[in-house]
C-alpha atoms as a PDB file:
ATOM      1  CA  MET A   1     -15.927  -9.880  -8.199  1.00  0.00           C
ATOM      2  CA  PHE A   2     -13.051  -9.214 -10.595  1.00  0.00           C
ATOM      3  CA  ASN A   3      -9.617  -8.143  -9.405  1.00  0.00           C
ATOM      4  CA  VAL A   4      -6.219  -7.123 -10.718  1.00  0.00           C
ATOM      5  CA  THR A   5      -3.111  -7.084  -8.542  1.00  0.00           C
ATOM      6  CA  VAL A   6       0.133  -5.194  -9.117  1.00  0.00           C
ATOM      7  CA  ARG A   7       3.316  -5.631  -7.090  1.00  0.00           C
ATOM      8  CA  ASP A   8       6.232  -3.419  -6.094  1.00  0.00           C
ATOM      9  CA  HIS A   9       8.494  -2.996  -3.072  1.00  0.00           C
ATOM     10  CA  PHE A  10      10.098  -0.414  -0.806  1.00  0.00           C
ATOM     11  CA  MET A  11      12.804  -0.296   1.842  1.00  0.00           C
ATOM     12  CA  ALA A  12      12.480   1.741   5.019  1.00  0.00           C
ATOM     13  CA  ALA A  13      13.889   2.112   8.500  1.00  0.00           C
ATOM     14  CA  HIS A  14      11.745   2.465  11.605  1.00  0.00           C
ATOM     15  CA  SER A  15      11.443   1.572  15.269  1.00  0.00           C
ATOM     16  CA  PHE A  16       8.529   0.746  17.528  1.00  0.00           C
ATOM     17  CA  ARG A  17       7.315   1.830  20.949  1.00  0.00           C
ATOM     18  CA  GLY A  18       6.009  -0.745  23.401  1.00  0.00           C
ATOM     19  CA  ASP A  19       7.379  -3.780  25.162  1.00  0.00           C
ATOM     20  CA  VAL A  20       5.456  -6.134  22.862  1.00  0.00           C
ATOM     21  CA  PHE A  21       7.945  -5.306  20.077  1.00  0.00           C
ATOM     22  CA  GLY A  22      11.039  -6.539  21.948  1.00  0.00           C
ATOM     23  CA  PRO A  23      14.217  -5.931  19.917  1.00  0.00           C
ATOM     24  CA  ALA A  24      12.205  -4.189  17.149  1.00  0.00           C
ATOM     25  CA  ARG A  25      12.005  -1.180  19.467  1.00  0.00           C
ATOM     26  CA  ALA A  26      15.479  -0.329  18.161  1.00  0.00           C
ATOM     27  CA  LEU A  27      15.907   1.252  14.750  1.00  0.00           C
ATOM     28  CA  HIS A  28      15.882  -1.461  12.094  1.00  0.00           C
ATOM     29  CA  GLY A  29      15.274  -1.815   8.377  1.00  0.00           C
ATOM     30  CA  ALA A  30      12.665  -3.671   6.415  1.00  0.00           C
ATOM     31  CA  THR A  31      12.110  -4.475   2.761  1.00  0.00           C
ATOM     32  CA  PHE A  32       8.400  -4.772   2.056  1.00  0.00           C
ATOM     33  CA  VAL A  33       6.933  -6.455  -1.014  1.00  0.00           C
ATOM     34  CA  VAL A  34       3.622  -4.718  -1.691  1.00  0.00           C
ATOM     35  CA  ASP A  35       0.595  -6.155  -3.511  1.00  0.00           C
ATOM     36  CA  ALA A  36      -2.228  -3.786  -4.415  1.00  0.00           C
ATOM     37  CA  SER A  37      -5.430  -5.535  -5.556  1.00  0.00           C
ATOM     38  CA  PHE A  38      -8.114  -3.502  -7.287  1.00  0.00           C
ATOM     39  CA  ARG A  39     -11.688  -4.873  -7.312  1.00  0.00           C
ATOM     40  CA  ARG A  40     -14.910  -4.270  -9.199  1.00  0.00           C
ATOM     41  CA  PRO A  41     -18.088  -6.293  -9.847  1.00  0.00           C
ATOM     42  CA  GLU A  42     -18.127  -5.737 -13.632  1.00  0.00           C
ATOM     43  CA  LEU A  43     -15.397  -5.185 -16.199  1.00  0.00           C
ATOM     44  CA  ASP A  44     -15.197  -1.767 -17.863  1.00  0.00           C
ATOM     45  CA  ASP A  45     -15.992  -1.126 -21.532  1.00  0.00           C
ATOM     46  CA  ASP A  46     -12.493  -2.346 -22.474  1.00  0.00           C
ATOM     47  CA  GLY A  47     -12.953  -5.607 -20.578  1.00  0.00           C
ATOM     48  CA  VAL A  48     -10.514  -4.784 -17.782  1.00  0.00           C
ATOM     49  CA  VAL A  49     -10.635  -4.068 -14.048  1.00  0.00           C
ATOM     50  CA  VAL A  50      -8.103  -1.229 -14.208  1.00  0.00           C
ATOM     51  CA  ASP A  51      -5.274  -0.129 -16.483  1.00  0.00           C
ATOM     52  CA  ILE A  52      -2.386  -2.227 -15.135  1.00  0.00           C
ATOM     53  CA  GLY A  53       0.216   0.272 -16.321  1.00  0.00           C
ATOM     54  CA  LEU A  54      -1.460   3.158 -14.498  1.00  0.00           C
ATOM     55  CA  ALA A  55      -2.029   1.021 -11.398  1.00  0.00           C
ATOM     56  CA  SER A  56       1.653   0.037 -11.342  1.00  0.00           C
ATOM     57  CA  ALA A  57       2.795   3.619 -11.867  1.00  0.00           C
ATOM     58  CA  ARG A  58       0.581   5.029  -9.106  1.00  0.00           C
ATOM     59  CA  LEU A  59       1.657   2.300  -6.664  1.00  0.00           C
ATOM     60  CA  GLY A  60       5.274   3.129  -7.492  1.00  0.00           C
ATOM     61  CA  GLU A  61       4.643   6.819  -6.769  1.00  0.00           C
ATOM     62  CA  VAL A  62       3.044   6.055  -3.415  1.00  0.00           C
ATOM     63  CA  LEU A  63       5.936   3.790  -2.448  1.00  0.00           C
ATOM     64  CA  ALA A  64       8.550   6.304  -3.626  1.00  0.00           C
ATOM     65  CA  ASP A  65       7.406   8.568  -0.779  1.00  0.00           C
ATOM     66  CA  LEU A  66       8.349   5.783   1.690  1.00  0.00           C
ATOM     67  CA  ASN A  67      11.390   4.248  -0.007  1.00  0.00           C
ATOM     68  CA  TYR A  68      14.829   4.642   1.609  1.00  0.00           C
ATOM     69  CA  ARG A  69      13.326   6.692   4.422  1.00  0.00           C
ATOM     70  CA  ASN A  70      13.543   6.573   8.170  1.00  0.00           C
ATOM     71  CA  LEU A  71       9.824   6.587   8.924  1.00  0.00           C
ATOM     72  CA  ASP A  72      10.555   7.729  12.489  1.00  0.00           C
ATOM     73  CA  GLU A  73      11.654  11.080  11.012  1.00  0.00           C
ATOM     74  CA  ASP A  74       8.600  11.557   8.765  1.00  0.00           C
ATOM     75  CA  PRO A  75       6.151  14.064  10.295  1.00  0.00           C
ATOM     76  CA  ALA A  76       3.244  12.123   8.745  1.00  0.00           C
ATOM     77  CA  PHE A  77       3.985   9.273  11.165  1.00  0.00           C
ATOM     78  CA  THR A  78       4.571  11.245  14.367  1.00  0.00           C
ATOM     79  CA  GLY A  79       3.169   9.279  17.290  1.00  0.00           C
ATOM     80  CA  ALA A  80       2.399   6.171  15.187  1.00  0.00           C
ATOM     81  CA  ASN A  81       3.931   2.720  15.342  1.00  0.00           C
ATOM     82  CA  THR A  82       4.581   2.097  11.656  1.00  0.00           C
ATOM     83  CA  THR A  83       3.711  -1.586  11.843  1.00  0.00           C
ATOM     84  CA  THR A  84       3.120  -3.600   8.696  1.00  0.00           C
ATOM     85  CA  GLU A  85      -0.618  -3.359   9.309  1.00  0.00           C
ATOM     86  CA  TYR A  86      -0.487   0.413   9.757  1.00  0.00           C
ATOM     87  CA  LEU A  87       1.592   0.910   6.598  1.00  0.00           C
ATOM     88  CA  ALA A  88      -0.832  -1.235   4.575  1.00  0.00           C
ATOM     89  CA  LYS A  89      -3.616   1.206   5.480  1.00  0.00           C
ATOM     90  CA  VAL A  90      -1.483   4.253   4.695  1.00  0.00           C
ATOM     91  CA  ILE A  91      -0.656   2.867   1.243  1.00  0.00           C
ATOM     92  CA  ALA A  92      -4.278   1.883   0.559  1.00  0.00           C
ATOM     93  CA  ASP A  93      -5.525   5.328   1.567  1.00  0.00           C
ATOM     94  CA  ARG A  94      -2.924   7.067  -0.594  1.00  0.00           C
ATOM     95  CA  LEU A  95      -3.867   4.894  -3.573  1.00  0.00           C
ATOM     96  CA  ALA A  96      -7.556   5.625  -2.956  1.00  0.00           C
ATOM     97  CA  GLU A  97      -6.797   9.364  -3.121  1.00  0.00           C
ATOM     98  CA  ARG A  98      -5.210   8.864  -6.540  1.00  0.00           C
ATOM     99  CA  ILE A  99      -8.186   6.827  -7.741  1.00  0.00           C
ATOM    100  CA  ARG A 100     -10.592   9.585  -6.612  1.00  0.00           C
ATOM    101  CA  ALA A 101      -8.421  12.169  -8.392  1.00  0.00           C
ATOM    102  CA  GLY A 102      -8.732  10.225 -11.667  1.00  0.00           C
ATOM    103  CA  GLU A 103      -5.046   9.306 -11.799  1.00  0.00           C
ATOM    104  CA  LEU A 104      -5.810   5.672 -12.704  1.00  0.00           C
ATOM    105  CA  GLY A 105      -8.008   6.690 -15.622  1.00  0.00           C
ATOM    106  CA  GLU A 106     -11.736   7.106 -16.063  1.00  0.00           C
ATOM    107  CA  GLY A 107     -12.293   3.334 -16.077  1.00  0.00           C
ATOM    108  CA  ALA A 108     -11.009   3.183 -12.496  1.00  0.00           C
ATOM    109  CA  ARG A 109     -14.054   5.137 -11.325  1.00  0.00           C
ATOM    110  CA  GLY A 110     -15.905   1.784 -11.410  1.00  0.00           C
ATOM    111  CA  LEU A 111     -13.598   0.262  -8.792  1.00  0.00           C
ATOM    112  CA  THR A 112     -15.398  -0.691  -5.598  1.00  0.00           C
ATOM    113  CA  GLY A 113     -12.591  -2.080  -3.453  1.00  0.00           C
ATOM    114  CA  LEU A 114      -8.875  -2.034  -2.842  1.00  0.00           C
ATOM    115  CA  GLN A 115      -6.707  -4.380  -0.800  1.00  0.00           C
ATOM    116  CA  VAL A 116      -3.065  -3.730   0.030  1.00  0.00           C
ATOM    117  CA  THR A 117      -0.866  -6.522   1.376  1.00  0.00           C
ATOM    118  CA  LEU A 118       2.650  -5.926   2.710  1.00  0.00           C
ATOM    119  CA  HIS A 119       4.936  -8.952   2.848  1.00  0.00           C
ATOM    120  CA  GLU A 120       7.560  -8.250   5.484  1.00  0.00           C
ATOM    121  CA  SER A 121       9.203 -11.626   4.925  1.00  0.00           C
ATOM    122  CA  HIS A 122       8.551 -14.929   3.197  1.00  0.00           C
ATOM    123  CA  VAL A 123       6.659 -16.138   6.279  1.00  0.00           C
ATOM    124  CA  ALA A 124       4.744 -13.061   7.477  1.00  0.00           C
ATOM    125  CA  TRP A 125       2.514 -10.425   5.901  1.00  0.00           C
ATOM    126  CA  ALA A 126      -0.365  -8.141   6.770  1.00  0.00           C
ATOM    127  CA  GLY A 127      -2.931  -6.192   4.825  1.00  0.00           C
ATOM    128  CA  TYR A 128      -5.723  -3.684   4.761  1.00  0.00           C
ATOM    129  CA  GLU A 129      -8.886  -3.796   2.661  1.00  0.00           C
ATOM    130  CA  ARG A 130     -11.137  -0.826   2.010  1.00  0.00           C
ATOM    131  CA  SER A 131     -14.129   0.184  -0.036  1.00  0.00           C
ATOM    132  CA  LEU A 132     -13.833   2.858  -2.667  1.00  0.00           C
END
């Protein structure tokens, strides 16, 4: 399986519900480093997995919708704990929508998998992997 990974970041504020989160129940900020890995079993006719420039641009667009936002105030997240794991899925699903829409180019139609990893610090990260 071949893969290409692009990286970006975003900053957001949020809080959590539930005793398990301790002091993180209060509003706090986080800076997430985001890796999006695109997978396919065979290279396309140009010998690549995906156009890195388009992949980077689309990841940036997805993250722009989250950047400098209080996620608690976003109607898309009403009732959800916006944990690192949860946000990894949201980002992966939003990237998958762009792939289906052809926004990563025709060659991206051969992609079979996508993994998004959010690094919430230098010692902790979480991710979500999905088929395309």
